[in-house]
Amino acid sequence: MEYGAYPHLKQHEGGQEVAAVQDWTTFGMVFMRPGYEQGEELLARLAQTLHPDGAEQV
């Protein structure tokens, strides 16, 4: 993860940015890189990880 105006999620190999997270309001928004093939999986895993009781919220 790299911080700037938005936290940026990057791949370990090659460092390509795959998402940016806007998290300074009462809700968060995730901006995915167009064409990132694992975008849906990443969003589902983020939602599951960040949900207070760990329940799947997709």
Protein backbone atom coordinates (compact mmCIF):
# COMPACT_ATOMS: atom_id res chain seq x y z
CA MET A 1 0.00 0.00 0.00
CA GLU A 2 1.21 3.48 -0.80
CA TYR A 3 -0.30 6.70 0.56
CA GLY A 4 -0.89 9.96 -1.26
CA ALA A 5 -4.23 11.69 -1.70
CA TYR A 6 -5.66 8.16 -1.63
CA PRO A 7 -4.20 4.93 -0.25
CA HIS A 8 -3.16 2.92 -3.31
CA LEU A 9 -3.27 -0.85 -3.46
CA LYS A 10 -0.46 -2.22 -5.61
CA GLN A 11 0.57 -5.65 -6.78
CA HIS A 12 3.73 -7.01 -5.16
CA GLU A 13 5.27 -7.96 -8.49
CA GLY A 14 5.77 -5.01 -10.80
CA GLY A 15 4.11 -2.50 -8.47
CA GLN A 16 1.11 -1.87 -10.74
CA GLU A 17 -1.61 0.09 -8.95
CA VAL A 18 -4.84 -1.92 -8.93
CA ALA A 19 -7.05 0.24 -6.68
CA ALA A 20 -7.27 3.46 -4.73
CA VAL A 21 -9.29 3.90 -1.53
CA GLN A 22 -11.08 7.12 -0.56
CA ASP A 23 -11.47 6.77 3.20
CA TRP A 24 -11.81 10.22 4.77
CA THR A 25 -15.61 10.47 4.92
CA THR A 26 -18.22 8.49 6.86
CA PHE A 27 -17.99 5.81 4.17
CA GLY A 28 -15.23 4.49 1.97
CA MET A 29 -15.03 4.11 -1.78
CA VAL A 30 -12.70 1.85 -3.73
CA PHE A 31 -11.67 2.82 -7.25
CA MET A 32 -10.52 -0.20 -9.25
CA ARG A 33 -8.17 -0.08 -12.23
CA PRO A 34 -10.19 -0.75 -15.39
CA GLY A 35 -9.32 -4.12 -16.82
CA TYR A 36 -7.90 -5.54 -13.57
CA GLU A 37 -9.01 -9.16 -13.93
CA GLN A 38 -9.20 -9.92 -10.19
CA GLY A 39 -11.15 -6.77 -9.27
CA GLU A 40 -14.32 -8.52 -8.11
CA GLU A 41 -12.35 -10.96 -5.97
CA LEU A 42 -10.35 -8.11 -4.41
CA LEU A 43 -13.51 -6.13 -3.59
CA ALA A 44 -15.18 -9.18 -2.02
CA ARG A 45 -12.09 -9.90 0.10
CA LEU A 46 -11.86 -6.26 1.21
CA ALA A 47 -15.54 -6.21 2.19
CA GLN A 48 -15.19 -9.45 4.13
CA THR A 49 -12.01 -8.29 5.87
CA LEU A 50 -13.37 -4.88 6.82
CA HIS A 51 -16.83 -5.99 7.95
CA PRO A 52 -16.96 -5.93 11.78
CA ASP A 53 -18.14 -9.52 12.26
CA GLY A 54 -16.30 -10.93 9.24
CA ALA A 55 -19.55 -11.85 7.48
CA GLU A 56 -19.62 -11.79 3.72
CA GLN A 57 -21.27 -8.58 2.53
CA VAL A 58 -21.15 -8.70 -1.26
